[in-house]
């Protein structure tokens, strides 16, 4: 009987020695993951309206409509053909610089400034 109580005491001591710190660590990991998920949802909610606004503005304002381009010019215009991207991105030259006419265009000037996320 004495040996049984010694074994039970050792097991209880080991559980206290290792079980409590492991349990606290697991609880802390759970709480921190929940907090991280909450912060990620908040960031998504903050940036989502901005992205929707940028997309909706871009969908409504097109350079060929603003500059009143003829149908002939539209058919050969890379911005009209590749209408999924902003026109000033399509009109960049080989070196990556924008054309001067794009800098003066009201569509480019009215576009929102992208912010890093």
PDB file of N, CA and C in Angstrom:
ATOM      1  N   UNK A   1       0.817  -1.183   0.000  1.00  0.00           N
ATOM      2  CA  UNK A   1       0.000   0.000   0.000  1.00  0.00           C
ATOM      3  C   UNK A   1       0.867   1.255   0.000  1.00  0.00           C
ATOM      4  N   UNK A   2       1.968   1.185   0.720  1.00  0.00           N
ATOM      5  CA  UNK A   2       2.874   2.310   0.814  1.00  0.00           C
ATOM      6  C   UNK A   2       3.501   2.606  -0.550  1.00  0.00           C
ATOM      7  N   UNK A   3       3.823   1.548  -1.314  1.00  0.00           N
ATOM      8  CA  UNK A   3       4.410   1.724  -2.640  1.00  0.00           C
ATOM      9  C   UNK A   3       3.405   2.366  -3.593  1.00  0.00           C
ATOM     10  N   UNK A   4       2.132   1.990  -3.461  1.00  0.00           N
ATOM     11  CA  UNK A   4       1.076   2.545  -4.311  1.00  0.00           C
ATOM     12  C   UNK A   4       0.930   4.043  -4.072  1.00  0.00           C
ATOM     13  N   UNK A   5       0.975   4.463  -2.824  1.00  0.00           N
ATOM     14  CA  UNK A   5       0.840   5.894  -2.532  1.00  0.00           C
ATOM     15  C   UNK A   5       2.055   6.665  -3.045  1.00  0.00           C
ATOM     16  N   UNK A   6       3.238   6.044  -3.002  1.00  0.00           N
ATOM     17  CA  UNK A   6       4.439   6.705  -3.515  1.00  0.00           C
ATOM     18  C   UNK A   6       4.321   6.869  -5.037  1.00  0.00           C
ATOM     19  N   UNK A   7       3.848   5.835  -5.715  1.00  0.00           N
ATOM     20  CA  UNK A   7       3.685   5.892  -7.177  1.00  0.00           C
ATOM     21  C   UNK A   7       2.641   6.937  -7.552  1.00  0.00           C
ATOM     22  N   UNK A   8       1.518   6.954  -6.842  1.00  0.00           N
ATOM     23  CA  UNK A   8       0.474   7.943  -7.106  1.00  0.00           C
ATOM     24  C   UNK A   8       0.978   9.358  -6.830  1.00  0.00           C
ATOM     25  N   UNK A   9       1.769   9.518  -5.803  1.00  0.00           N
ATOM     26  CA  UNK A   9       2.334  10.829  -5.475  1.00  0.00           C
ATOM     27  C   UNK A   9       3.290  11.276  -6.580  1.00  0.00           C
ATOM     28  N   UNK A  10       4.102  10.365  -7.091  1.00  0.00           N
ATOM     29  CA  UNK A  10       5.014  10.695  -8.188  1.00  0.00           C
ATOM     30  C   UNK A  10       4.253  11.079  -9.459  1.00  0.00           C
ATOM     31  N   UNK A  11       3.205  10.314  -9.764  1.00  0.00           N
ATOM     32  CA  UNK A  11       2.391  10.620 -10.952  1.00  0.00           C
ATOM     33  C   UNK A  11       1.718  11.985 -10.791  1.00  0.00           C
ATOM     34  N   UNK A  12       1.174  12.249  -9.625  1.00  0.00           N
ATOM     35  CA  UNK A  12       0.530  13.547  -9.372  1.00  0.00           C
ATOM     36  C   UNK A  12       1.556  14.674  -9.470  1.00  0.00           C
ATOM     37  N   UNK A  13       2.746  14.449  -8.949  1.00  0.00           N
ATOM     38  CA  UNK A  13       3.803  15.466  -9.036  1.00  0.00           C
ATOM     39  C   UNK A  13       4.204  15.745 -10.480  1.00  0.00           C
ATOM     40  N   UNK A  14       4.322  14.667 -11.279  1.00  0.00           N
ATOM     41  CA  UNK A  14       4.658  14.850 -12.685  1.00  0.00           C
ATOM     42  C   UNK A  14       3.556  15.594 -13.447  1.00  0.00           C
ATOM     43  N   UNK A  15       2.318  15.236 -13.147  1.00  0.00           N
ATOM     44  CA  UNK A  15       1.205  15.932 -13.789  1.00  0.00           C
ATOM     45  C   UNK A  15       1.202  17.415 -13.422  1.00  0.00           C
ATOM     46  N   UNK A  16       1.460  17.712 -12.163  1.00  0.00           N
ATOM     47  CA  UNK A  16       1.528  19.113 -11.755  1.00  0.00           C
ATOM     48  C   UNK A  16       2.720  19.807 -12.403  1.00  0.00           C
ATOM     49  N   UNK A  17       3.841  19.108 -12.440  1.00  0.00           N
ATOM     50  CA  UNK A  17       5.075  19.704 -12.964  1.00  0.00           C
ATOM     51  C   UNK A  17       4.983  19.978 -14.461  1.00  0.00           C
ATOM     52  N   UNK A  18       4.389  19.048 -15.232  1.00  0.00           N
ATOM     53  CA  UNK A  18       4.331  19.190 -16.686  1.00  0.00           C
ATOM     54  C   UNK A  18       2.932  19.525 -17.206  1.00  0.00           C
ATOM     55  N   UNK A  19       1.913  19.037 -16.570  1.00  0.00           N
ATOM     56  CA  UNK A  19       0.547  19.221 -17.052  1.00  0.00           C
ATOM     57  C   UNK A  19       0.072  20.658 -16.988  1.00  0.00           C
ATOM     58  N   UNK A  20       0.345  21.334 -15.891  1.00  0.00           N
ATOM     59  CA  UNK A  20      -0.120  22.710 -15.740  1.00  0.00           C
ATOM     60  C   UNK A  20       0.568  23.633 -16.758  1.00  0.00           C
ATOM     61  N   UNK A  21       1.901  23.598 -16.910  1.00  0.00           N
ATOM     62  CA  UNK A  21       2.512  24.465 -17.932  1.00  0.00           C
ATOM     63  C   UNK A  21       2.050  24.154 -19.352  1.00  0.00           C
ATOM     64  N   UNK A  22       1.884  22.873 -19.655  1.00  0.00           N
ATOM     65  CA  UNK A  22       1.403  22.504 -20.988  1.00  0.00           C
ATOM     66  C   UNK A  22      -0.027  23.002 -21.184  1.00  0.00           C
ATOM     67  N   UNK A  23      -0.859  22.842 -20.181  1.00  0.00           N
ATOM     68  CA  UNK A  23      -2.242  23.323 -20.260  1.00  0.00           C
ATOM     69  C   UNK A  23      -2.315  24.835 -20.439  1.00  0.00           C
ATOM     70  N   UNK A  24      -1.479  25.564 -19.704  1.00  0.00           N
ATOM     71  CA  UNK A  24      -1.452  27.020 -19.832  1.00  0.00           C
ATOM     72  C   UNK A  24      -0.971  27.415 -21.225  1.00  0.00           C
ATOM     73  N   UNK A  25       0.030  26.700 -21.743  1.00  0.00           N
ATOM     74  CA  UNK A  25       0.537  26.990 -23.083  1.00  0.00           C
ATOM     75  C   UNK A  25      -0.532  26.744 -24.139  1.00  0.00           C
ATOM     76  N   UNK A  26      -1.240  25.646 -24.040  1.00  0.00           N
ATOM     77  CA  UNK A  26      -2.302  25.331 -24.993  1.00  0.00           C
ATOM     78  C   UNK A  26      -3.393  26.403 -24.927  1.00  0.00           C
ATOM     79  N   UNK A  27      -3.785  26.805 -23.742  1.00  0.00           N
ATOM     80  CA  UNK A  27      -4.797  27.842 -23.575  1.00  0.00           C
ATOM     81  C   UNK A  27      -4.316  29.172 -24.174  1.00  0.00           C
ATOM     82  N   UNK A  28      -3.061  29.518 -23.944  1.00  0.00           N
ATOM     83  CA  UNK A  28      -2.503  30.753 -24.477  1.00  0.00           C
ATOM     84  C   UNK A  28      -2.464  30.727 -26.002  1.00  0.00           C
ATOM     85  N   UNK A  29      -2.090  29.605 -26.596  1.00  0.00           N
ATOM     86  CA  UNK A  29      -2.073  29.469 -28.056  1.00  0.00           C
ATOM     87  C   UNK A  29      -3.478  29.645 -28.608  1.00  0.00           C
ATOM     88  N   UNK A  30      -4.463  29.047 -27.967  1.00  0.00           N
ATOM     89  CA  UNK A  30      -5.851  29.159 -28.413  1.00  0.00           C
ATOM     90  C   UNK A  30      -6.320  30.616 -28.381  1.00  0.00           C
ATOM     91  N   UNK A  31      -6.042  31.306 -27.290  1.00  0.00           N
ATOM     92  CA  UNK A  31      -6.464  32.700 -27.145  1.00  0.00           C
ATOM     93  C   UNK A  31      -5.769  33.583 -28.179  1.00  0.00           C
ATOM     94  N   UNK A  32      -4.482  33.377 -28.397  1.00  0.00           N
ATOM     95  CA  UNK A  32      -3.755  34.197 -29.362  1.00  0.00           C
ATOM     96  C   UNK A  32      -4.216  33.948 -30.791  1.00  0.00           C
ATOM     97  N   UNK A  33      -4.549  32.718 -31.129  1.00  0.00           N
ATOM     98  CA  UNK A  33      -5.067  32.429 -32.472  1.00  0.00           C
ATOM     99  C   UNK A  33      -6.416  33.101 -32.688  1.00  0.00           C
ATOM    100  N   UNK A  34      -7.271  33.054 -31.686  1.00  0.00           N
ATOM    101  CA  UNK A  34      -8.567  33.733 -31.797  1.00  0.00           C
ATOM    102  C   UNK A  34      -8.381  35.236 -31.964  1.00  0.00           C
ATOM    103  N   UNK A  35      -7.451  35.812 -31.219  1.00  0.00           N
ATOM    104  CA  UNK A  35      -7.177  37.234 -31.318  1.00  0.00           C
ATOM    105  C   UNK A  35      -6.635  37.590 -32.700  1.00  0.00           C
ATOM    106  N   UNK A  36      -5.751  36.758 -33.248  1.00  0.00           N
ATOM    107  CA  UNK A  36      -5.204  36.986 -34.578  1.00  0.00           C
ATOM    108  C   UNK A  36      -6.305  36.914 -35.632  1.00  0.00           C
ATOM    109  N   UNK A  37      -7.201  35.941 -35.525  1.00  0.00           N
ATOM    110  CA  UNK A  37      -8.312  35.829 -36.461  1.00  0.00           C
ATOM    111  C   UNK A  37      -9.211  37.060 -36.397  1.00  0.00           C
ATOM    112  N   UNK A  38      -9.448  37.566 -35.205  1.00  0.00           N
ATOM    113  CA  UNK A  38     -10.270  38.765 -35.030  1.00  0.00           C
ATOM    114  C   UNK A  38      -9.603  39.960 -35.710  1.00  0.00           C
ATOM    115  N   UNK A  39      -8.307  40.120 -35.514  1.00  0.00           N
ATOM    116  CA  UNK A  39      -7.588  41.239 -36.131  1.00  0.00           C
ATOM    117  C   UNK A  39      -7.586  41.119 -37.652  1.00  0.00           C
ATOM    118  N   UNK A  40      -7.445  39.906 -38.171  1.00  0.00           N
ATOM    119  CA  UNK A  40      -7.466  39.720 -39.621  1.00  0.00           C
ATOM    120  C   UNK A  40      -8.833  40.070 -40.190  1.00  0.00           C
ATOM    121  N   UNK A  41      -9.911  39.698 -39.506  1.00  0.00           N
ATOM    122  CA  UNK A  41     -11.257  40.067 -39.959  1.00  0.00           C
ATOM    123  C   UNK A  41     -11.434  41.577 -39.955  1.00  0.00           C
ATOM    124  N   UNK A  42     -10.916  42.252 -38.928  1.00  0.00           N
ATOM    125  CA  UNK A  42     -11.024  43.709 -38.859  1.00  0.00           C
ATOM    126  C   UNK A  42     -10.294  44.375 -40.019  1.00  0.00           C
ATOM    127  N   UNK A  43      -9.112  43.873 -40.355  1.00  0.00           N
ATOM    128  CA  UNK A  43      -8.360  44.441 -41.474  1.00  0.00           C
ATOM    129  C   UNK A  43      -9.113  44.219 -42.779  1.00  0.00           C
ATOM    130  N   UNK A  44      -9.677  43.029 -42.961  1.00  0.00           N
ATOM    131  CA  UNK A  44     -10.439  42.748 -44.179  1.00  0.00           C
ATOM    132  C   UNK A  44     -11.637  43.681 -44.292  1.00  0.00           C
ATOM    133  N   UNK A  45     -12.321  43.929 -43.188  1.00  0.00           N
ATOM    134  CA  UNK A  45     -13.475  44.821 -43.210  1.00  0.00           C
ATOM    135  C   UNK A  45     -13.064  46.257 -43.493  1.00  0.00           C
ATOM    136  N   UNK A  46     -11.894  46.667 -43.011  1.00  0.00           N
ATOM    137  CA  UNK A  46     -11.424  48.027 -43.250  1.00  0.00           C
ATOM    138  C   UNK A  46     -11.003  48.233 -44.699  1.00  0.00           C
ATOM    139  N   UNK A  47     -10.339  47.262 -45.305  1.00  0.00           N
ATOM    140  CA  UNK A  47      -9.821  47.435 -46.659  1.00  0.00           C
ATOM    141  C   UNK A  47     -10.837  47.075 -47.727  1.00  0.00           C
ATOM    142  N   UNK A  48     -11.820  46.281 -47.415  1.00  0.00           N
ATOM    143  CA  UNK A  48     -12.777  45.841 -48.424  1.00  0.00           C
ATOM    144  C   UNK A  48     -13.561  46.998 -49.044  1.00  0.00           C
ATOM    145  N   UNK A  49     -14.104  47.947 -48.275  1.00  0.00           N
ATOM    146  CA  UNK A  49     -14.821  49.050 -48.915  1.00  0.00           C
ATOM    147  C   UNK A  49     -13.928  49.878 -49.832  1.00  0.00           C
ATOM    148  N   UNK A  50     -12.651  50.072 -49.461  1.00  0.00           N
ATOM    149  CA  UNK A  50     -11.736  50.820 -50.312  1.00  0.00           C
ATOM    150  C   UNK A  50     -11.532  50.108 -51.642  1.00  0.00           C
ATOM    151  N   UNK A  51     -11.313  48.800 -51.579  1.00  0.00           N
ATOM    152  CA  UNK A  51     -11.105  48.050 -52.812  1.00  0.00           C
ATOM    153  C   UNK A  51     -12.359  48.067 -53.673  1.00  0.00           C
ATOM    154  N   UNK A  52     -13.531  47.925 -53.062  1.00  0.00           N
ATOM    155  CA  UNK A  52     -14.775  47.963 -53.817  1.00  0.00           C
ATOM    156  C   UNK A  52     -14.968  49.332 -54.448  1.00  0.00           C
ATOM    157  N   UNK A  53     -14.603  50.400 -53.723  1.00  0.00           N
ATOM    158  CA  UNK A  53     -14.722  51.744 -54.251  1.00  0.00           C
ATOM    159  C   UNK A  53     -13.796  51.930 -55.444  1.00  0.00           C
ATOM    160  N   UNK A  54     -12.556  51.459 -55.339  1.00  0.00           N
ATOM    161  CA  UNK A  54     -11.612  51.588 -56.441  1.00  0.00           C
ATOM    162  C   UNK A  54     -12.105  50.822 -57.656  1.00  0.00           C
ATOM    163  N   UNK A  55     -12.602  49.610 -57.452  1.00  0.00           N
ATOM    164  CA  UNK A  55     -13.082  48.804 -58.569  1.00  0.00           C
ATOM    165  C   UNK A  55     -14.307  49.439 -59.185  1.00  0.00           C
ATOM    166  N   UNK A  56     -15.243  49.933 -58.358  1.00  0.00           N
ATOM    167  CA  UNK A  56     -16.461  50.514 -58.906  1.00  0.00           C
ATOM    168  C   UNK A  56     -16.155  51.800 -59.664  1.00  0.00           C
ATOM    169  N   UNK A  57     -15.210  52.625 -59.186  1.00  0.00           N
ATOM    170  CA  UNK A  57     -14.825  53.827 -59.923  1.00  0.00           C
ATOM    171  C   UNK A  57     -14.192  53.462 -61.251  1.00  0.00           C
ATOM    172  N   UNK A  58     -13.331  52.475 -61.236  1.00  0.00           N
ATOM    173  CA  UNK A  58     -12.662  52.074 -62.457  1.00  0.00           C
ATOM    174  C   UNK A  58     -13.652  51.496 -63.460  1.00  0.00           C
ATOM    175  N   UNK A  59     -14.667  50.768 -62.971  1.00  0.00           N
ATOM    176  CA  UNK A  59     -15.669  50.203 -63.870  1.00  0.00           C
ATOM    177  C   UNK A  59     -16.530  51.281 -64.509  1.00  0.00           C
ATOM    178  N   UNK A  60     -16.756  52.384 -63.805  1.00  0.00           N
ATOM    179  CA  UNK A  60     -17.637  53.434 -64.314  1.00  0.00           C
ATOM    180  C   UNK A  60     -16.913  54.427 -65.212  1.00  0.00           C
ATOM    181  N   UNK A  61     -15.641  54.681 -64.952  1.00  0.00           N
ATOM    182  CA  UNK A  61     -14.906  55.692 -65.689  1.00  0.00           C
ATOM    183  C   UNK A  61     -13.908  54.997 -66.600  1.00  0.00           C
ATOM    184  N   UNK A  62     -14.049  55.196 -67.869  1.00  0.00           N
ATOM    185  CA  UNK A  62     -13.127  54.629 -68.848  1.00  0.00           C
ATOM    186  C   UNK A  62     -12.515  55.764 -69.659  1.00  0.00           C
ATOM    187  N   UNK A  63     -11.227  55.647 -69.966  1.00  0.00           N
ATOM    188  CA  UNK A  63     -10.536  56.747 -70.641  1.00  0.00           C
ATOM    189  C   UNK A  63     -11.090  56.994 -72.039  1.00  0.00           C
ATOM    190  N   UNK A  64     -11.478  55.932 -72.757  1.00  0.00           N
ATOM    191  CA  UNK A  64     -11.973  56.131 -74.113  1.00  0.00           C
ATOM    192  C   UNK A  64     -13.315  56.852 -74.123  1.00  0.00           C
ATOM    193  N   UNK A  65     -14.090  56.692 -73.057  1.00  0.00           N
ATOM    194  CA  UNK A  65     -15.352  57.427 -72.974  1.00  0.00           C
ATOM    195  C   UNK A  65     -15.102  58.868 -72.548  1.00  0.00           C
ATOM    196  N   UNK A  66     -14.188  59.069 -71.607  1.00  0.00           N
ATOM    197  CA  UNK A  66     -13.879  60.415 -71.137  1.00  0.00           C
ATOM    198  C   UNK A  66     -13.214  61.239 -72.232  1.00  0.00           C
ATOM    199  N   UNK A  67     -12.291  60.623 -72.970  1.00  0.00           N
ATOM    200  CA  UNK A  67     -11.587  61.333 -74.044  1.00  0.00           C
ATOM    201  C   UNK A  67     -12.360  61.327 -75.358  1.00  0.00           C
ATOM    202  N   UNK A  68     -13.532  60.720 -75.358  1.00  0.00           N
ATOM    203  CA  UNK A  68     -14.426  60.660 -76.515  1.00  0.00           C
ATOM    204  C   UNK A  68     -13.707  60.126 -77.756  1.00  0.00           C
ATOM    205  N   UNK A  69     -13.069  58.980 -77.589  1.00  0.00           N
ATOM    206  CA  UNK A  69     -12.360  58.350 -78.704  1.00  0.00           C
ATOM    207  C   UNK A  69     -13.363  57.801 -79.716  1.00  0.00           C
ATOM    208  N   UNK A  70     -12.989  57.853 -80.975  1.00  0.00           N
ATOM    209  CA  UNK A  70     -13.861  57.305 -82.015  1.00  0.00           C
ATOM    210  C   UNK A  70     -13.827  55.786 -81.956  1.00  0.00           C
ATOM    211  N   UNK A  71     -14.784  55.165 -82.630  1.00  0.00           N
ATOM    212  CA  UNK A  71     -14.851  53.705 -82.656  1.00  0.00           C
ATOM    213  C   UNK A  71     -13.609  53.119 -83.311  1.00  0.00           C
ATOM    214  N   UNK A  72     -13.053  53.783 -84.307  1.00  0.00           N
ATOM    215  CA  UNK A  72     -11.829  53.323 -84.965  1.00  0.00           C
ATOM    216  C   UNK A  72     -10.670  53.282 -83.982  1.00  0.00           C
ATOM    217  N   UNK A  73     -10.529  54.368 -83.228  1.00  0.00           N
ATOM    218  CA  UNK A  73      -9.441  54.431 -82.252  1.00  0.00           C
ATOM    219  C   UNK A  73      -9.637  53.400 -81.146  1.00  0.00           C
ATOM    220  N   UNK A  74     -10.862  53.175 -80.763  1.00  0.00           N
ATOM    221  CA  UNK A  74     -11.134  52.199 -79.698  1.00  0.00           C
ATOM    222  C   UNK A  74     -10.709  50.795 -80.107  1.00  0.00           C
ATOM    223  N   UNK A  75     -10.955  50.433 -81.339  1.00  0.00           N
ATOM    224  CA  UNK A  75     -10.644  49.078 -81.794  1.00  0.00           C
ATOM    225  C   UNK A  75      -9.145  48.800 -81.817  1.00  0.00           C
ATOM    226  N   UNK A  76      -8.330  49.835 -81.977  1.00  0.00           N
ATOM    227  CA  UNK A  76      -6.882  49.650 -81.988  1.00  0.00           C
ATOM    228  C   UNK A  76      -6.230  50.048 -80.663  1.00  0.00           C
ATOM    229  N   UNK A  77      -6.998  50.582 -79.752  1.00  0.00           N
ATOM    230  CA  UNK A  77      -6.460  51.055 -78.471  1.00  0.00           C
ATOM    231  C   UNK A  77      -6.212  49.873 -77.525  1.00  0.00           C
ATOM    232  N   UNK A  78      -4.983  49.726 -76.988  1.00  0.00           N
ATOM    233  CA  UNK A  78      -4.705  48.621 -76.073  1.00  0.00           C
ATOM    234  C   UNK A  78      -5.533  48.697 -74.789  1.00  0.00           C
ATOM    235  N   UNK A  79      -5.859  49.898 -74.344  1.00  0.00           N
ATOM    236  CA  UNK A  79      -6.654  50.037 -73.115  1.00  0.00           C
ATOM    237  C   UNK A  79      -8.084  49.543 -73.337  1.00  0.00           C
ATOM    238  N   UNK A  80      -8.607  49.749 -74.522  1.00  0.00           N
ATOM    239  CA  UNK A  80      -9.954  49.273 -74.840  1.00  0.00           C
ATOM    240  C   UNK A  80      -9.961  47.763 -74.999  1.00  0.00           C
ATOM    241  N   UNK A  81      -8.919  47.243 -75.647  1.00  0.00           N
ATOM    242  CA  UNK A  81      -8.826  45.796 -75.867  1.00  0.00           C
ATOM    243  C   UNK A  81      -8.600  45.062 -74.548  1.00  0.00           C
ATOM    244  N   UNK A  82      -7.731  45.612 -73.725  1.00  0.00           N
ATOM    245  CA  UNK A  82      -7.388  44.984 -72.450  1.00  0.00           C
ATOM    246  C   UNK A  82      -8.046  45.778 -71.313  1.00  0.00           C
ATOM    247  N   UNK A  83      -9.372  45.773 -71.295  1.00  0.00           N
ATOM    248  CA  UNK A  83     -10.110  46.665 -70.395  1.00  0.00           C
ATOM    249  C   UNK A  83     -10.151  46.192 -68.943  1.00  0.00           C
ATOM    250  N   UNK A  84      -9.487  45.112 -68.616  1.00  0.00           N
ATOM    251  CA  UNK A  84      -9.473  44.640 -67.235  1.00  0.00           C
ATOM    252  C   UNK A  84      -8.469  45.365 -66.359  1.00  0.00           C
ATOM    253  N   UNK A  85      -7.563  46.097 -66.972  1.00  0.00           N
ATOM    254  CA  UNK A  85      -6.538  46.845 -66.234  1.00  0.00           C
ATOM    255  C   UNK A  85      -6.755  48.332 -66.438  1.00  0.00           C
ATOM    256  N   UNK A  86      -6.246  49.149 -65.535  1.00  0.00           N
ATOM    257  CA  UNK A  86      -6.344  50.597 -65.738  1.00  0.00           C
ATOM    258  C   UNK A  86      -5.621  50.999 -67.023  1.00  0.00           C
ATOM    259  N   UNK A  87      -6.178  51.961 -67.722  1.00  0.00           N
ATOM    260  CA  UNK A  87      -5.637  52.337 -69.028  1.00  0.00           C
ATOM    261  C   UNK A  87      -4.197  52.828 -68.933  1.00  0.00           C
ATOM    262  N   UNK A  88      -3.847  53.551 -67.861  1.00  0.00           N
ATOM    263  CA  UNK A  88      -2.475  54.058 -67.758  1.00  0.00           C
ATOM    264  C   UNK A  88      -1.477  52.932 -67.542  1.00  0.00           C
ATOM    265  N   UNK A  89      -1.927  51.799 -67.006  1.00  0.00           N
ATOM    266  CA  UNK A  89      -1.039  50.641 -66.875  1.00  0.00           C
ATOM    267  C   UNK A  89      -0.809  49.981 -68.236  1.00  0.00           C
ATOM    268  N   UNK A  90      -1.834  49.956 -69.049  1.00  0.00           N
ATOM    269  CA  UNK A  90      -1.726  49.346 -70.369  1.00  0.00           C
ATOM    270  C   UNK A  90      -0.836  50.195 -71.280  1.00  0.00           C
ATOM    271  N   UNK A  91      -0.894  51.519 -71.125  1.00  0.00           N
ATOM    272  CA  UNK A  91      -0.152  52.415 -72.007  1.00  0.00           C
ATOM    273  C   UNK A  91       1.293  52.652 -71.578  1.00  0.00           C
ATOM    274  N   UNK A  92       1.776  51.986 -70.550  1.00  0.00           N
ATOM    275  CA  UNK A  92       3.187  52.156 -70.151  1.00  0.00           C
ATOM    276  C   UNK A  92       4.090  51.671 -71.281  1.00  0.00           C
ATOM    277  N   UNK A  93       5.203  52.363 -71.445  1.00  0.00           N
ATOM    278  CA  UNK A  93       6.123  51.937 -72.499  1.00  0.00           C
ATOM    279  C   UNK A  93       7.016  50.801 -71.992  1.00  0.00           C
ATOM    280  N   UNK A  94       7.936  50.365 -72.818  1.00  0.00           N
ATOM    281  CA  UNK A  94       8.779  49.210 -72.515  1.00  0.00           C
ATOM    282  C   UNK A  94       9.594  49.420 -71.243  1.00  0.00           C
ATOM    283  N   UNK A  95      10.035  50.652 -71.000  1.00  0.00           N
ATOM    284  CA  UNK A  95      10.843  50.918 -69.810  1.00  0.00           C
ATOM    285  C   UNK A  95       9.989  51.027 -68.547  1.00  0.00           C
ATOM    286  N   UNK A  96       8.674  51.000 -68.694  1.00  0.00           N
ATOM    287  CA  UNK A  96       7.792  51.065 -67.529  1.00  0.00           C
ATOM    288  C   UNK A  96       7.321  52.461 -67.189  1.00  0.00           C
ATOM    289  N   UNK A  97       7.733  53.442 -67.993  1.00  0.00           N
ATOM    290  CA  UNK A  97       7.317  54.821 -67.724  1.00  0.00           C
ATOM    291  C   UNK A  97       5.963  55.099 -68.364  1.00  0.00           C
ATOM    292  N   UNK A  98       5.226  55.979 -67.713  1.00  0.00           N
ATOM    293  CA  UNK A  98       3.917  56.336 -68.242  1.00  0.00           C
ATOM    294  C   UNK A  98       4.063  57.372 -69.342  1.00  0.00           C
ATOM    295  N   UNK A  99       3.128  57.349 -70.254  1.00  0.00           N
ATOM    296  CA  UNK A  99       3.137  58.332 -71.327  1.00  0.00           C
ATOM    297  C   UNK A  99       2.649  59.674 -70.780  1.00  0.00           C
ATOM    298  N   UNK A 100       3.174  60.777 -71.304  1.00  0.00           N
ATOM    299  CA  UNK A 100       2.756  62.092 -70.804  1.00  0.00           C
ATOM    300  C   UNK A 100       1.259  62.338 -70.946  1.00  0.00           C
ATOM    301  N   UNK A 101       0.643  61.807 -72.000  1.00  0.00           N
ATOM    302  CA  UNK A 101      -0.798  62.031 -72.166  1.00  0.00           C
ATOM    303  C   UNK A 101      -1.597  61.372 -71.038  1.00  0.00           C
ATOM    304  N   UNK A 102      -1.064  60.290 -70.468  1.00  0.00           N
ATOM    305  CA  UNK A 102      -1.756  59.620 -69.357  1.00  0.00           C
ATOM    306  C   UNK A 102      -1.710  60.471 -68.085  1.00  0.00           C
ATOM    307  N   UNK A 103      -0.601  61.165 -67.888  1.00  0.00           N
ATOM    308  CA  UNK A 103      -0.463  62.001 -66.700  1.00  0.00           C
ATOM    309  C   UNK A 103      -1.460  63.157 -66.701  1.00  0.00           C
ATOM    310  N   UNK A 104      -1.831  63.617 -67.893  1.00  0.00           N
ATOM    311  CA  UNK A 104      -2.763  64.726 -68.010  1.00  0.00           C
ATOM    312  C   UNK A 104      -4.214  64.263 -68.095  1.00  0.00           C
ATOM    313  N   UNK A 105      -4.433  62.995 -68.243  1.00  0.00           N
ATOM    314  CA  UNK A 105      -5.784  62.451 -68.428  1.00  0.00           C
ATOM    315  C   UNK A 105      -6.602  62.579 -67.146  1.00  0.00           C
ATOM    316  N   UNK A 106      -7.844  63.035 -67.235  1.00  0.00           N
ATOM    317  CA  UNK A 106      -8.679  63.167 -66.034  1.00  0.00           C
ATOM    318  C   UNK A 106      -9.016  61.828 -65.376  1.00  0.00           C
ATOM    319  N   UNK A 107      -9.030  60.748 -66.146  1.00  0.00           N
ATOM    320  CA  UNK A 107      -9.294  59.424 -65.561  1.00  0.00           C
ATOM    321  C   UNK A 107      -8.149  59.048 -64.617  1.00  0.00           C
ATOM    322  N   UNK A 108      -6.904  59.260 -65.047  1.00  0.00           N
ATOM    323  CA  UNK A 108      -5.741  58.964 -64.211  1.00  0.00           C
ATOM    324  C   UNK A 108      -5.722  59.884 -62.990  1.00  0.00           C
ATOM    325  N   UNK A 109      -6.002  61.140 -63.201  1.00  0.00           N
ATOM    326  CA  UNK A 109      -5.950  62.101 -62.093  1.00  0.00           C
ATOM    327  C   UNK A 109      -7.052  61.851 -61.059  1.00  0.00           C
ATOM    328  N   UNK A 110      -8.177  61.290 -61.487  1.00  0.00           N
ATOM    329  CA  UNK A 110      -9.280  61.014 -60.560  1.00  0.00           C
ATOM    330  C   UNK A 110      -9.156  59.662 -59.867  1.00  0.00           C
ATOM    331  N   UNK A 111      -8.228  58.841 -60.331  1.00  0.00           N
ATOM    332  CA  UNK A 111      -8.078  57.499 -59.761  1.00  0.00           C
ATOM    333  C   UNK A 111      -7.556  57.593 -58.324  1.00  0.00           C
ATOM    334  N   UNK A 112      -8.050  56.718 -57.437  1.00  0.00           N
ATOM    335  CA  UNK A 112      -7.562  56.729 -56.064  1.00  0.00           C
ATOM    336  C   UNK A 112      -6.115  56.249 -55.991  1.00  0.00           C
ATOM    337  N   UNK A 113      -5.373  56.787 -55.059  1.00  0.00           N
ATOM    338  CA  UNK A 113      -3.979  56.405 -54.872  1.00  0.00           C
ATOM    339  C   UNK A 113      -3.954  55.065 -54.146  1.00  0.00           C
ATOM    340  N   UNK A 114      -3.309  54.053 -54.729  1.00  0.00           N
ATOM    341  CA  UNK A 114      -3.272  52.748 -54.056  1.00  0.00           C
ATOM    342  C   UNK A 114      -2.399  52.823 -52.813  1.00  0.00           C
ATOM    343  N   UNK A 115      -2.879  52.175 -51.764  1.00  0.00           N
ATOM    344  CA  UNK A 115      -2.129  52.107 -50.516  1.00  0.00           C
ATOM    345  C   UNK A 115      -1.666  50.675 -50.312  1.00  0.00           C
ATOM    346  N   UNK A 116      -0.468  50.492 -49.799  1.00  0.00           N
ATOM    347  CA  UNK A 116      -0.018  49.128 -49.511  1.00  0.00           C
ATOM    348  C   UNK A 116      -0.852  48.522 -48.385  1.00  0.00           C
ATOM    349  N   UNK A 117      -1.101  47.252 -48.558  1.00  0.00           N
ATOM    350  CA  UNK A 117      -1.949  46.569 -47.560  1.00  0.00           C
ATOM    351  C   UNK A 117      -1.085  45.805 -46.596  1.00  0.00           C
TER     352      UNK A 117
END
